[in-house]
Amino acid sequence: MNTPVLLLTFNRPETTCSVFEAIRQARPSRLYVAADGPRFDREGERERCDRVREIGTAVDWRCELRTLFQATNLGCGVAVSAAIDWFFEHETEGIILEDDCLPDHSFFQFCEEMLDRYRNNSAVMMISGEYYYGKHHQPPRSYFFSRYIGTWGWATWARAWKCNDRSMRRWPELRNSDWLLRVGDGHSDFKEFWTEVFDTVYPGRNDIWDYQWAYSCWLQEGVTILPSKNLVKNIGFGTNATHTTADAGWMGRLPLEAMSFPLSHPAEIVRDRVVDRWIDLKVFGIKMKKYKRILRKIPGFRWGVALLRRFWSGQ
């Protein structure tokens, strides 16, 4: 495979081993491995971090390997965003996998084809491997478009990532405008919810990176490609996780699926507003105001899924 891969790691040898094995089967010609440093007040973490780095660099195929190993712990937000910055200093496009995001083999081909097809289309900001709508949505094509990012296995271009504004410089100005109302198709509850979220991460917090990426994509009026099959499974739910510490629930029970080829392409780039509203209500629980107080205290773009899945286990 010619598309480069960035593997983001930290301190979980078990999940890293599974994800690395999937990468080994795809055999990318260039592999980048980034690892945050250990927290010195956590017993045994240095040893686990060292083991993860051994696993992530055990390349046994023809491959150019580059590493970015942090000596100290930067925190999830800074470590991840810095690693992606580093990746795109060397590459114009690529696939990004964290150490708990297990892809189906077809995920790599799907990303490679999408990266090629939409390389020069600035309306498309990224490609995701996530699909969790089940019976609620049956896409007529191999993929569709959404305003929501999905970073449990994804791909993008340097031209898109350069728009990432971790500092959210314009947020004070945009906060009091109708910008989020426009992003949310006129839904006031969407504006209220995401105003609270963005207030918690402005200015940048060291343990969060993906809220800022979502903000940046929305600022560019960009869309995400979402597949019609669930091509990546999160295997990192549990007490050892940074953000997805709760029981996996229905998100963890989603099957890992394979994409069929050749792909069936949508005729035009049109965001699926029905699906986006479904995500508003069922994934982020925007109307469940009594839970907002809890959500604001939990960092990371993933927590909305990790917590709210228990309330929607009847999917």
Protein backbone atom coordinates (compact mmCIF):
# COMPACT_ATOMS: atom_id res chain seq x y z
CA MET A 1 0.00 0.00 0.00
CA ASN A 2 1.40 3.37 -1.02
CA THR A 3 -0.63 5.52 1.40
CA PRO A 4 1.37 6.33 4.54
CA VAL A 5 0.00 5.45 7.98
CA LEU A 6 0.41 7.28 11.28
CA LEU A 7 0.02 5.09 14.38
CA LEU A 8 -0.65 7.03 17.60
CA THR A 9 0.32 5.14 20.75
CA PHE A 10 0.77 5.55 24.47
CA ASN A 11 0.67 2.85 27.16
CA ARG A 12 -1.55 -0.06 26.06
CA PRO A 13 0.43 -3.00 24.66
CA GLU A 14 -2.59 -5.26 24.17
CA THR A 15 -4.62 -2.98 21.93
CA THR A 16 -1.50 -1.69 20.17
CA CYS A 17 -0.58 -5.26 19.24
CA SER A 18 -3.98 -5.82 17.57
CA VAL A 19 -3.91 -2.56 15.65
CA PHE A 20 -0.30 -3.05 14.57
CA GLU A 21 -1.16 -6.48 13.24
CA ALA A 22 -3.86 -4.92 11.05
CA ILE A 23 -1.29 -2.40 9.78
CA ARG A 24 1.18 -5.22 9.11
CA GLN A 25 -1.39 -6.95 6.93
CA ALA A 26 -1.91 -3.73 4.94
CA ARG A 27 1.89 -3.33 4.54
CA PRO A 28 2.13 0.43 4.04
CA SER A 29 5.31 1.58 2.35
CA ARG A 30 5.74 4.32 4.96
CA LEU A 31 4.81 4.01 8.64
CA TYR A 32 5.00 6.80 11.22
CA VAL A 33 4.76 5.85 14.89
CA ALA A 34 4.20 8.55 17.51
CA ALA A 35 4.13 7.86 21.25
CA ASP A 36 3.39 10.12 24.19
CA GLY A 37 5.75 9.84 27.13
CA PRO A 38 5.01 8.11 30.44
CA ARG A 39 3.61 9.84 33.52
CA PHE A 40 6.26 9.31 36.14
CA ASP A 41 3.75 9.13 39.00
CA ARG A 42 2.07 6.05 37.47
CA GLU A 43 3.62 2.79 38.57
CA GLY A 44 4.67 0.58 35.67
CA GLU A 45 3.75 3.09 32.99
CA ARG A 46 7.29 3.57 31.71
CA GLU A 47 7.56 -0.17 31.14
CA ARG A 48 4.21 -0.28 29.35
CA CYS A 49 5.19 2.68 27.16
CA ASP A 50 8.49 1.00 26.28
CA ARG A 51 6.67 -2.21 25.35
CA VAL A 52 4.22 -0.28 23.15
CA ARG A 53 7.12 1.32 21.29
CA GLU A 54 8.67 -2.09 20.67
CA ILE A 55 5.39 -3.41 19.29
CA GLY A 56 4.72 -0.38 17.09
CA THR A 57 8.13 -0.50 15.42
CA ALA A 58 8.38 -4.26 14.81
CA VAL A 59 8.26 -3.77 11.04
CA ASP A 60 9.00 -6.96 9.09
CA TRP A 61 8.02 -5.80 5.59
CA ARG A 62 9.61 -3.36 3.15
CA CYS A 63 8.75 -0.08 4.81
CA GLU A 64 10.22 3.31 5.67
CA LEU A 65 9.75 3.75 9.43
CA ARG A 66 9.83 7.09 11.26
CA THR A 67 9.23 7.63 14.97
CA LEU A 68 8.33 10.51 17.27
CA PHE A 69 8.77 9.34 20.86
CA GLN A 70 8.10 11.92 23.58
CA ALA A 71 10.38 11.78 26.61
CA THR A 72 7.73 13.23 28.94
CA ASN A 73 3.96 13.13 28.97
CA LEU A 74 2.37 15.90 26.92
CA GLY A 75 -1.23 14.83 27.43
CA CYS A 76 -3.60 13.45 24.83
CA GLY A 77 -4.46 16.75 23.20
CA VAL A 78 -0.96 18.10 22.65
CA ALA A 79 0.65 14.73 21.90
CA VAL A 80 -1.90 13.79 19.24
CA SER A 81 -2.09 17.16 17.51
CA ALA A 82 1.72 17.48 17.54
CA ALA A 83 2.06 14.00 16.06
CA ILE A 84 -0.35 14.82 13.23
CA ASP A 85 1.51 18.08 12.62
CA TRP A 86 4.74 16.06 12.37
CA PHE A 87 3.13 13.53 10.02
CA PHE A 88 2.02 16.22 7.60
CA GLU A 89 5.41 17.91 7.66
CA HIS A 90 6.51 14.86 5.66
CA GLU A 91 3.36 13.74 3.83
CA THR A 92 0.60 15.37 1.77
CA GLU A 93 -2.03 12.81 2.81
CA GLY A 94 -2.38 9.74 4.94
CA ILE A 95 -4.26 7.39 7.27
CA ILE A 96 -4.34 7.94 11.05
CA LEU A 97 -4.98 5.18 13.58
CA GLU A 98 -4.87 5.32 17.34
CA ASP A 99 -3.75 2.32 19.36
CA ASP A 100 -7.31 1.29 20.24
CA CYS A 101 -8.93 1.62 16.78
CA LEU A 102 -8.94 -1.75 15.04
CA PRO A 103 -9.60 -1.49 11.28
CA ASP A 104 -10.95 -4.03 8.87
CA HIS A 105 -8.54 -4.72 6.04
CA SER A 106 -10.89 -2.98 3.57
CA PHE A 107 -10.55 0.25 5.57
CA PHE A 108 -7.15 0.89 4.03
CA GLN A 109 -8.32 0.53 0.44
CA PHE A 110 -11.38 2.65 1.16
CA CYS A 111 -9.25 5.46 2.58
CA GLU A 112 -6.75 5.20 -0.25
CA GLU A 113 -9.46 5.53 -2.91
CA MET A 114 -11.18 8.41 -1.11
CA LEU A 115 -7.89 10.26 -0.61
CA ASP A 116 -7.24 10.02 -4.32
CA ARG A 117 -10.76 10.92 -5.45
CA TYR A 118 -11.20 14.00 -3.23
CA ARG A 119 -7.57 15.10 -3.02
CA ASN A 120 -8.17 18.49 -4.61
CA ASN A 121 -11.70 19.10 -3.33
CA SER A 122 -11.46 21.55 -0.45
CA ALA A 123 -15.07 20.84 0.57
CA VAL A 124 -14.01 17.42 1.90
CA MET A 125 -11.95 17.66 5.08
CA MET A 126 -11.52 14.02 6.07
CA ILE A 127 -12.52 10.38 5.62
CA SER A 128 -13.78 8.34 8.57
CA GLY A 129 -14.01 4.60 9.10
CA GLU A 130 -16.99 4.87 11.47
CA TYR A 131 -20.56 3.82 10.76
CA TYR A 132 -22.90 3.26 13.71
CA TYR A 133 -26.40 4.00 12.44
CA GLY A 134 -27.51 0.43 11.74
CA LYS A 135 -31.18 0.17 10.82
CA HIS A 136 -31.64 3.93 11.25
CA HIS A 137 -29.92 4.70 7.97
CA GLN A 138 -29.33 2.58 4.88
CA PRO A 139 -27.09 4.57 2.52
CA PRO A 140 -27.77 3.97 -1.18
CA ARG A 141 -24.07 4.32 -1.98
CA SER A 142 -20.80 3.12 -0.47
CA TYR A 143 -20.45 6.33 1.53
CA PHE A 144 -22.14 9.63 2.32
CA PHE A 145 -21.28 13.04 3.74
CA SER A 146 -21.72 14.47 7.24
CA ARG A 147 -20.72 17.53 9.25
CA TYR A 148 -19.48 15.26 12.04
CA ILE A 149 -15.90 14.08 12.22
CA GLY A 150 -15.19 10.47 13.17
CA THR A 151 -11.66 9.87 14.42
CA TRP A 152 -11.79 6.19 15.32
CA GLY A 153 -9.69 5.46 12.25
CA TRP A 154 -9.57 8.21 9.65
CA ALA A 155 -7.63 9.83 6.84
CA THR A 156 -7.04 13.34 5.62
CA TRP A 157 -4.77 15.62 3.64
CA ALA A 158 -2.14 18.14 4.70
CA ARG A 159 -4.21 20.81 2.91
CA ALA A 160 -7.09 20.08 5.33
CA TRP A 161 -5.04 19.65 8.51
CA LYS A 162 -3.34 22.98 7.98
CA CYS A 163 -6.75 24.52 8.79
CA ASN A 164 -6.69 23.00 12.26
CA ASP A 165 -6.86 25.83 14.80
CA ARG A 166 -6.13 24.31 18.18
CA SER A 167 -6.22 27.73 19.82
CA MET A 168 -9.73 28.43 18.39
CA ARG A 169 -8.73 32.05 17.81
CA ARG A 170 -12.07 33.14 16.41
CA TRP A 171 -14.28 31.48 19.03
CA PRO A 172 -14.90 34.62 21.15
CA GLU A 173 -16.15 36.38 18.03
CA LEU A 174 -18.17 33.44 16.72
CA ARG A 175 -19.66 32.55 20.09
CA ASN A 176 -22.03 35.51 20.03
CA SER A 177 -22.93 35.17 16.37
CA ASP A 178 -25.34 32.86 14.54
CA TRP A 179 -22.47 30.74 13.22
CA LEU A 180 -23.33 27.59 15.20
CA LEU A 181 -26.98 28.06 14.35
CA ARG A 182 -26.06 27.89 10.67
CA VAL A 183 -23.79 24.88 11.21
CA GLY A 184 -26.61 23.14 13.07
CA ASP A 185 -29.25 23.69 10.35
CA GLY A 186 -31.07 26.23 12.47
CA HIS A 187 -31.48 24.05 15.57
CA SER A 188 -31.09 26.20 18.68
CA ASP A 189 -30.38 23.18 20.87
CA PHE A 190 -27.38 22.37 18.65
CA LYS A 191 -26.04 25.88 19.15
CA GLU A 192 -26.55 25.75 22.90
CA PHE A 193 -24.89 22.35 23.25
CA TRP A 194 -21.81 23.12 21.17
CA THR A 195 -21.42 26.57 22.70
CA GLU A 196 -21.02 24.89 26.07
CA VAL A 197 -18.59 22.35 24.63
CA PHE A 198 -16.41 24.91 22.89
CA ASP A 199 -16.41 27.09 25.99
CA THR A 200 -14.82 24.20 27.90
CA VAL A 201 -11.95 23.76 25.43
CA TYR A 202 -11.20 27.41 24.73
CA PRO A 203 -8.42 28.18 25.16
CA GLY A 204 -6.84 24.81 24.29
CA ARG A 205 -6.78 22.06 26.89
CA ASN A 206 -3.92 19.58 26.98
CA ASP A 207 -6.18 16.53 27.12
CA ILE A 208 -8.36 17.36 24.10
CA TRP A 209 -7.62 17.69 20.41
CA ASP A 210 -10.65 16.49 18.45
CA TYR A 211 -13.13 19.14 19.58
CA GLN A 212 -10.77 21.73 18.12
CA TRP A 213 -10.54 19.71 14.91
CA ALA A 214 -14.35 19.56 14.63
CA TYR A 215 -14.50 23.32 15.21
CA SER A 216 -11.90 23.87 12.49
CA CYS A 217 -13.72 21.66 9.99
CA TRP A 218 -16.99 23.49 10.63
CA LEU A 219 -15.22 26.80 10.24
CA GLN A 220 -14.17 25.71 6.75
CA GLU A 221 -17.75 24.57 5.98
CA GLY A 222 -16.21 21.18 5.26
CA VAL A 223 -17.73 17.71 5.29
CA THR A 224 -16.58 14.27 6.37
CA ILE A 225 -16.90 11.11 4.28
CA LEU A 226 -18.62 8.37 6.29
CA PRO A 227 -18.72 4.77 4.99
CA SER A 228 -21.83 2.64 4.67
CA LYS A 229 -20.11 -0.10 6.69
CA ASN A 230 -18.43 0.08 10.08
CA LEU A 231 -14.79 -0.28 9.05
CA VAL A 232 -13.18 0.42 12.45
CA LYS A 233 -13.98 -0.98 15.88
CA ASN A 234 -12.89 0.75 19.07
CA ILE A 235 -11.31 -1.90 21.30
CA GLY A 236 -10.11 0.53 23.94
CA PHE A 237 -13.11 0.94 26.23
CA GLY A 238 -12.17 0.31 29.83
CA THR A 239 -10.40 1.61 32.91
CA ASN A 240 -7.06 1.91 31.10
CA ALA A 241 -8.43 4.35 28.54
CA THR A 242 -7.93 8.10 28.70
CA HIS A 243 -11.46 9.10 27.66
CA THR A 244 -13.53 5.97 26.90
CA THR A 245 -13.31 4.64 30.43
CA ALA A 246 -16.95 3.57 30.69
CA ASP A 247 -18.41 0.21 29.70
CA ALA A 248 -18.48 -0.15 25.91
CA GLY A 249 -22.27 -0.40 25.57
CA TRP A 250 -23.80 -0.46 22.10
CA MET A 251 -20.84 1.39 20.57
CA GLY A 252 -18.52 -1.37 21.70
CA ARG A 253 -20.86 -4.05 20.36
CA LEU A 254 -20.92 -2.73 16.82
CA PRO A 255 -19.56 -5.37 14.44
CA LEU A 256 -16.44 -4.82 12.37
CA GLU A 257 -17.57 -4.88 8.75
CA ALA A 258 -15.94 -5.03 5.31
CA MET A 259 -16.46 -2.60 2.46
CA SER A 260 -17.40 -3.98 -0.94
CA PHE A 261 -15.51 -2.91 -4.05
CA PRO A 262 -15.76 -1.36 -6.54
CA LEU A 263 -17.22 1.56 -4.64
CA SER A 264 -20.54 3.13 -5.53
CA HIS A 265 -20.07 6.90 -5.46
CA PRO A 266 -22.65 9.60 -4.64
CA ALA A 267 -23.45 11.82 -7.59
CA GLU A 268 -22.62 14.99 -5.68
CA ILE A 269 -21.24 16.23 -2.38
CA VAL A 270 -24.37 16.86 -0.33
CA ARG A 271 -24.38 16.54 3.44
CA ASP A 272 -26.95 14.10 4.82
CA ARG A 273 -28.88 16.36 7.19
CA VAL A 274 -31.12 13.55 8.42
CA VAL A 275 -28.12 11.56 9.60
CA ASP A 276 -26.54 14.63 11.14
CA ARG A 277 -29.66 15.29 13.18
CA TRP A 278 -29.72 11.64 14.23
CA ILE A 279 -26.17 12.08 15.52
CA ASP A 280 -27.24 15.25 17.36
CA LEU A 281 -29.97 13.42 19.20
CA LYS A 282 -28.81 9.82 19.54
CA VAL A 283 -25.03 10.08 19.87
CA PHE A 284 -24.54 13.44 21.60
CA GLY A 285 -27.97 13.52 23.21
CA ILE A 286 -28.37 17.21 22.53
CA LYS A 287 -31.93 17.26 23.85
CA MET A 288 -30.99 15.43 27.05
CA LYS A 289 -30.25 18.64 28.90
CA LYS A 290 -30.07 17.04 32.29
CA TYR A 291 -26.90 15.21 31.17
CA LYS A 292 -25.10 18.29 29.91
CA ARG A 293 -23.81 19.05 33.36
CA ILE A 294 -22.09 15.65 33.41
CA LEU A 295 -20.77 15.84 29.86
CA ARG A 296 -19.05 19.17 30.37
CA LYS A 297 -16.79 17.55 32.96
CA ILE A 298 -15.61 14.73 30.73
CA PRO A 299 -12.82 15.57 28.23
CA GLY A 300 -12.46 14.46 24.62
CA PHE A 301 -14.68 14.28 21.56
CA ARG A 302 -15.23 10.59 22.29
CA TRP A 303 -16.93 11.02 25.65
CA GLY A 304 -20.27 11.88 24.06
CA VAL A 305 -20.34 8.43 22.54
CA ALA A 306 -18.79 6.68 25.53
CA LEU A 307 -21.31 8.02 28.03
CA LEU A 308 -24.48 8.39 26.03
CA ARG A 309 -24.38 4.90 24.58
CA ARG A 310 -25.94 3.56 27.78
CA PHE A 311 -29.05 5.67 27.21
CA TRP A 312 -29.47 4.44 23.62
CA SER A 313 -28.63 0.78 24.06
CA GLY A 314 -31.93 -0.11 22.43
CA GLN A 315 -30.67 0.90 18.97
